[in-house]
């Protein structure tokens, strides 16, 4: 099976999606004519379910949204982690 994906999707979200299904499938990802071409092969003799491509694409959309949200909230996340570590460090220094 070959799945063609628009380059609108990031390489990271495509890799995350392939990783989710890596226990059952092998993926070969190539860029052909400015589109991602993903060849899907099963790891055993089980045929690929007809619902696989829609499930793959839905998971891809989910992963793309996660990548976008992570990028947009990175500064806030980093600030929260720094504040928490600073507070934990300050508390451990006060105890000594």
Protein backbone atom coordinates (compact mmCIF):
# COMPACT_ATOMS: atom_id res chain seq x y z
CA UNK A 1 0.00 0.00 0.00
CA UNK A 2 1.23 3.48 -0.82
CA UNK A 3 -0.11 6.53 1.00
CA UNK A 4 0.55 9.95 -0.52
CA UNK A 5 0.73 12.84 1.94
CA UNK A 6 0.78 16.56 1.25
CA UNK A 7 3.91 18.36 2.49
CA UNK A 8 1.58 20.55 4.58
CA UNK A 9 2.22 17.91 7.24
CA UNK A 10 5.54 18.15 9.03
CA UNK A 11 8.13 15.42 8.79
CA UNK A 12 7.95 15.09 12.58
CA UNK A 13 4.20 14.38 12.56
CA UNK A 14 4.65 11.81 9.78
CA UNK A 15 7.41 10.07 11.74
CA UNK A 16 5.30 10.08 14.92
CA UNK A 17 2.40 8.55 13.01
CA UNK A 18 4.55 5.83 11.48
CA UNK A 19 6.03 5.09 14.90
CA UNK A 20 2.53 4.55 16.33
CA UNK A 21 1.95 1.74 13.83
CA UNK A 22 5.54 0.39 13.78
CA UNK A 23 4.62 -2.72 15.77
CA UNK A 24 2.61 -4.05 12.80
CA UNK A 25 4.00 -2.27 9.74
CA UNK A 26 7.22 -1.23 8.05
CA UNK A 27 7.28 2.22 6.45
CA UNK A 28 9.43 3.59 3.64
CA UNK A 29 9.06 7.37 3.43
CA UNK A 30 10.20 9.20 0.32
CA UNK A 31 9.67 12.63 -1.18
CA UNK A 32 8.41 12.27 -4.74
CA UNK A 33 7.25 15.27 -6.81
CA UNK A 34 7.04 17.43 -3.67
CA UNK A 35 4.71 14.94 -1.95
CA UNK A 36 5.50 12.38 0.75
CA UNK A 37 5.09 8.86 -0.57
CA UNK A 38 4.80 6.32 2.23
CA UNK A 39 5.04 2.67 1.30
CA UNK A 40 3.40 0.51 3.96
CA UNK A 41 4.28 -3.17 4.32
CA UNK A 42 3.01 -5.56 6.97
CA UNK A 43 5.54 -7.26 9.23
CA UNK A 44 3.69 -10.58 9.10
CA UNK A 45 1.32 -12.28 6.66
CA UNK A 46 -1.79 -10.41 7.87
CA UNK A 47 -3.37 -8.35 5.09
CA UNK A 48 -3.67 -4.59 5.55
CA UNK A 49 -7.15 -3.66 6.76
CA UNK A 50 -9.13 -1.42 4.41
CA UNK A 51 -9.60 1.05 7.30
CA UNK A 52 -5.86 1.47 7.77
CA UNK A 53 -5.39 4.47 5.47
CA UNK A 54 -8.19 6.56 7.05
CA UNK A 55 -6.91 5.61 10.52
CA UNK A 56 -3.36 6.56 9.50
CA UNK A 57 -4.51 9.93 8.16
CA UNK A 58 -6.60 10.69 11.27
CA UNK A 59 -3.60 9.87 13.46
CA UNK A 60 -1.46 12.07 11.22
CA UNK A 61 -3.81 15.02 11.73
CA UNK A 62 -3.74 14.41 15.49
CA UNK A 63 0.05 14.34 15.51
CA UNK A 64 0.31 17.46 13.36
CA UNK A 65 -1.92 19.33 15.82
CA UNK A 66 0.24 18.12 18.70
CA UNK A 67 3.40 19.35 16.94
CA UNK A 68 1.83 22.78 16.30
CA UNK A 69 0.59 23.07 19.90
CA UNK A 70 4.00 22.02 21.25
CA UNK A 71 5.70 24.67 19.12
CA UNK A 72 3.25 27.41 20.16
CA UNK A 73 3.39 26.57 23.87
CA UNK A 74 7.11 25.79 24.16
CA UNK A 75 8.00 29.14 25.73
CA UNK A 76 5.26 28.82 28.36
CA UNK A 77 6.19 25.20 29.11
CA UNK A 78 9.87 26.09 29.48
CA UNK A 79 9.01 29.00 31.80
CA UNK A 80 6.83 26.76 33.98
CA UNK A 81 9.53 24.09 34.21
CA UNK A 82 12.18 26.69 35.09
CA UNK A 83 9.94 28.22 37.75
CA UNK A 84 9.17 24.81 39.26
CA UNK A 85 12.84 23.84 39.32
CA UNK A 86 13.84 27.19 40.78
CA UNK A 87 11.22 26.77 43.53
CA UNK A 88 12.32 23.19 44.24
CA UNK A 89 15.98 24.29 44.35
CA UNK A 90 15.13 27.16 46.67
CA UNK A 91 13.18 24.86 49.02
CA UNK A 92 16.05 22.34 49.18
CA UNK A 93 18.52 25.18 49.91
CA UNK A 94 16.30 26.48 52.74
CA UNK A 95 16.23 23.07 54.40
CA UNK A 96 20.02 22.99 54.78
